[in-house]
Amino acid sequence: METESATREQILTAAHTVFLRRGTSGARMQEIAKEAGVNQALLHYYFGTKQALADAVFRAAASNLLPGVFEVVGSALPLDQKIQTVVDRYIGFLRTRPYLPGYLVSELHADPDRAALLLPRPGVAALAALQQQLDAGAENGTLQPIRAEHFLINMVSMIIFPFLIRPMLDVIFGISSDQFDAYLTERQRSLPGFIRSALRP
């Protein structure tokens, strides 16, 4: 059983690599099998079709990125701590997977219905808890009024955007690939304060 699980993960990892290289539509099962070091029959045994494999890869990638954000914002942590935790956790996470935001965005553009089919709706209770905090801050005058959806999209966008445009950072700002990690450290340190300041009246 453990061997089967390891083989499945090995195939998912290889498929992700090939999908990144070729795009899902351009990827071939034979190439994925070669990347995974298994025969092509095993791919069909575990996943059936290329579409099923692509869906599994997309679901795994999205589940690594999204649910944790809602877990934090829906928790009982103070708002300042939620901001710090999301920024720290996700910049740290994406340092080791810098390709992930670009992969998810390209897949969603290629197949917009995929998100609704493959991802749960984790955000209702979490957004309600976040909105309650934001409303309380607006009522006591410490925060400007803002909908939870806007706040969350703003925060996540500021975390993800540098990873989406990483090749352009060198062209626009002179931040080379060798300097990117140092840039992320600086951004991780400054971004929570920037987000808090943007919320103030």
Protein backbone atom coordinates (compact mmCIF):
# COMPACT_ATOMS: atom_id res chain seq x y z
CA MET A 1 0.00 0.00 0.00
CA GLU A 2 2.80 2.39 0.93
CA THR A 3 4.61 1.51 -2.31
CA GLU A 4 1.45 2.23 -4.32
CA SER A 5 1.08 5.60 -2.61
CA ALA A 6 4.73 6.44 -3.32
CA THR A 7 4.36 5.45 -6.98
CA ARG A 8 1.24 7.58 -7.31
CA GLU A 9 3.05 10.59 -5.84
CA GLN A 10 6.03 9.92 -8.12
CA ILE A 11 3.71 10.02 -11.14
CA LEU A 12 1.99 13.21 -9.92
CA THR A 13 5.36 14.93 -9.46
CA ALA A 14 6.53 13.87 -12.91
CA ALA A 15 3.25 14.94 -14.50
CA HIS A 16 3.48 18.34 -12.85
CA THR A 17 7.00 18.76 -14.25
CA VAL A 18 5.90 17.81 -17.77
CA PHE A 19 2.73 19.93 -17.63
CA LEU A 20 4.86 22.92 -16.65
CA ARG A 21 7.22 22.23 -19.53
CA ARG A 22 4.64 21.49 -22.24
CA GLY A 23 1.35 22.75 -20.89
CA THR A 24 -1.37 20.21 -20.17
CA SER A 25 -2.56 20.10 -23.78
CA GLY A 26 0.96 19.57 -25.15
CA ALA A 27 2.01 16.93 -22.61
CA ARG A 28 2.07 13.26 -23.60
CA MET A 29 1.53 10.29 -21.32
CA GLN A 30 4.68 8.64 -22.71
CA GLU A 31 6.78 11.65 -21.68
CA ILE A 32 5.21 11.66 -18.20
CA ALA A 33 5.95 7.94 -17.80
CA LYS A 34 9.57 8.51 -18.82
CA GLU A 35 9.89 11.43 -16.39
CA ALA A 36 8.45 9.27 -13.59
CA GLY A 37 10.64 6.28 -14.47
CA VAL A 38 7.65 3.96 -14.86
CA ASN A 39 5.93 2.27 -17.77
CA GLN A 40 2.96 3.97 -19.39
CA ALA A 41 0.56 1.24 -18.26
CA LEU A 42 1.06 2.36 -14.66
CA LEU A 43 -0.16 5.85 -15.50
CA HIS A 44 -3.39 4.39 -16.85
CA TYR A 45 -3.65 2.03 -13.86
CA TYR A 46 -3.49 4.89 -11.34
CA PHE A 47 -5.23 7.70 -13.24
CA GLY A 48 -6.96 6.25 -16.31
CA THR A 49 -6.69 9.19 -18.71
CA LYS A 50 -4.44 12.19 -19.20
CA GLN A 51 -7.33 14.47 -18.23
CA ALA A 52 -7.81 12.62 -14.94
CA LEU A 53 -4.07 12.92 -14.28
CA ALA A 54 -4.15 16.63 -15.15
CA ASP A 55 -7.08 17.13 -12.78
CA ALA A 56 -5.22 15.32 -9.99
CA VAL A 57 -2.13 17.48 -10.52
CA PHE A 58 -4.21 20.67 -10.54
CA ARG A 59 -6.13 19.63 -7.41
CA ALA A 60 -2.89 18.81 -5.58
CA ALA A 61 -1.32 22.13 -6.57
CA ALA A 62 -4.36 24.18 -5.59
CA SER A 63 -4.84 22.34 -2.30
CA ASN A 64 -1.27 23.22 -1.33
CA LEU A 65 -1.90 26.92 -1.93
CA LEU A 66 -5.47 27.89 -1.07
CA PRO A 67 -7.04 26.08 1.90
CA GLY A 68 -4.34 27.18 4.34
CA VAL A 69 -5.14 30.84 3.65
CA PHE A 70 -8.79 30.30 4.61
CA GLU A 71 -7.76 28.28 7.65
CA VAL A 72 -5.75 31.26 8.94
CA VAL A 73 -8.26 34.02 8.12
CA GLY A 74 -11.10 31.99 9.64
CA SER A 75 -9.22 31.37 12.88
CA ALA A 76 -9.53 33.26 16.18
CA LEU A 77 -6.16 35.00 15.71
CA PRO A 78 -6.07 38.82 15.91
CA LEU A 79 -6.14 40.46 12.47
CA ASP A 80 -2.53 41.67 12.68
CA GLN A 81 -1.39 38.13 13.43
CA LYS A 82 -3.46 36.71 10.58
CA ILE A 83 -1.73 39.07 8.15
CA GLN A 84 1.72 38.17 9.48
CA THR A 85 0.98 34.44 9.42
CA VAL A 86 -0.37 34.39 5.84
CA VAL A 87 2.55 36.45 4.52
CA ASP A 88 5.20 34.40 6.33
CA ARG A 89 3.63 31.04 5.52
CA TYR A 90 3.01 31.64 1.84
CA ILE A 91 6.16 33.48 0.88
CA GLY A 92 8.05 30.70 2.66
CA PHE A 93 5.97 28.04 0.89
CA LEU A 94 6.38 29.60 -2.56
CA ARG A 95 10.13 30.05 -2.18
CA THR A 96 10.40 26.29 -2.68
CA ARG A 97 7.64 26.18 -5.36
CA PRO A 98 8.01 29.47 -7.28
CA TYR A 99 6.37 27.97 -10.38
CA LEU A 100 3.10 27.14 -8.60
CA PRO A 101 1.13 30.41 -9.04
CA GLY A 102 2.00 30.58 -12.75
CA TYR A 103 0.97 26.96 -13.25
CA LEU A 104 -2.40 27.46 -11.56
CA VAL A 105 -3.14 30.67 -13.45
CA SER A 106 -2.25 29.16 -16.84
CA GLU A 107 -4.37 26.09 -16.14
CA LEU A 108 -7.35 28.20 -15.09
CA HIS A 109 -7.07 30.28 -18.26
CA ALA A 110 -6.92 27.12 -20.36
CA ASP A 111 -9.92 25.58 -18.57
CA PRO A 112 -11.87 28.14 -16.48
CA ASP A 113 -14.47 25.58 -15.32
CA ARG A 114 -11.82 23.44 -13.68
CA ALA A 115 -11.75 25.40 -10.41
CA ALA A 116 -15.48 24.97 -9.81
CA LEU A 117 -15.31 21.27 -10.63
CA LEU A 118 -12.21 20.39 -8.62
CA LEU A 119 -12.02 22.75 -5.67
CA PRO A 120 -14.30 22.88 -2.63
CA ARG A 121 -15.75 26.18 -1.43
CA PRO A 122 -13.72 26.64 1.74
CA GLY A 123 -14.24 30.34 2.15
CA VAL A 124 -17.78 31.01 3.44
CA ALA A 125 -17.26 30.56 7.18
CA ALA A 126 -13.69 31.91 7.02
CA LEU A 127 -14.80 35.04 5.15
CA ALA A 128 -17.62 35.58 7.64
CA ALA A 129 -15.15 35.46 10.55
CA LEU A 130 -12.78 37.82 8.75
CA GLN A 131 -15.61 40.21 7.87
CA GLN A 132 -16.64 40.33 11.52
CA GLN A 133 -13.12 41.44 12.49
CA LEU A 134 -12.97 44.03 9.71
CA ASP A 135 -16.40 45.40 10.62
CA ALA A 136 -15.47 45.64 14.30
CA GLY A 137 -12.34 47.61 13.37
CA ALA A 138 -14.36 49.93 11.13
CA GLU A 139 -16.92 50.51 13.88
CA ASN A 140 -14.30 51.48 16.46
CA GLY A 141 -12.45 53.66 13.96
CA THR A 142 -9.20 51.67 13.74
CA LEU A 143 -9.82 50.31 10.22
CA GLN A 144 -11.40 51.67 7.08
CA PRO A 145 -14.48 49.75 5.89
CA ILE A 146 -13.61 46.97 3.44
CA ARG A 147 -15.25 43.76 2.29
CA ALA A 148 -13.43 40.60 3.33
CA GLU A 149 -13.21 39.43 -0.30
CA HIS A 150 -11.36 42.59 -1.35
CA PHE A 151 -9.03 42.43 1.63
CA LEU A 152 -8.18 38.79 0.99
CA ILE A 153 -7.62 39.23 -2.75
CA ASN A 154 -5.41 42.27 -2.09
CA MET A 155 -3.28 40.38 0.42
CA VAL A 156 -2.91 37.17 -1.61
CA SER A 157 -2.21 39.13 -4.81
CA MET A 158 0.65 41.02 -3.17
CA ILE A 159 2.16 37.74 -2.03
CA ILE A 160 1.79 35.88 -5.33
CA PHE A 161 2.47 38.59 -7.92
CA PRO A 162 6.31 38.61 -7.67
CA PHE A 163 6.32 34.87 -8.37
CA LEU A 164 4.09 35.34 -11.42
CA ILE A 165 6.36 37.99 -12.98
CA ARG A 166 9.73 36.78 -11.71
CA PRO A 167 11.42 36.88 -15.17
CA MET A 168 10.27 40.51 -15.57
CA LEU A 169 11.75 41.66 -12.26
CA ASP A 170 15.24 41.64 -13.78
CA VAL A 171 14.07 43.62 -16.82
CA ILE A 172 12.04 46.18 -14.86
CA PHE A 173 13.93 46.53 -11.57
CA GLY A 174 17.27 44.82 -12.15
CA ILE A 175 16.40 42.03 -9.67
CA SER A 176 18.19 39.00 -11.11
CA SER A 177 17.37 35.38 -10.30
CA ASP A 178 20.33 35.35 -7.93
CA GLN A 179 18.87 38.33 -6.06
CA PHE A 180 15.30 37.04 -5.95
CA ASP A 181 15.65 35.23 -2.62
CA ALA A 182 17.02 38.35 -0.93
CA TYR A 183 14.17 40.35 -2.47
CA LEU A 184 11.65 37.88 -1.02
CA THR A 185 13.22 38.20 2.44
CA GLU A 186 12.88 41.97 2.24
CA ARG A 187 9.31 41.69 0.98
CA GLN A 188 8.36 39.20 3.69
CA ARG A 189 9.61 41.68 6.28
CA SER A 190 7.91 44.78 4.84
CA LEU A 191 4.64 43.47 3.40
CA PRO A 192 2.68 42.89 6.65
CA GLY A 193 3.26 46.51 7.70
CA PHE A 194 2.21 47.76 4.27
CA ILE A 195 -1.05 45.76 4.43
CA ARG A 196 -1.81 47.01 7.96
CA SER A 197 -1.16 50.61 6.89
CA ALA A 198 -3.51 50.23 3.93
CA LEU A 199 -6.30 49.22 6.32
CA ARG A 200 -5.99 52.26 8.54
CA PRO A 201 -8.48 55.14 8.11
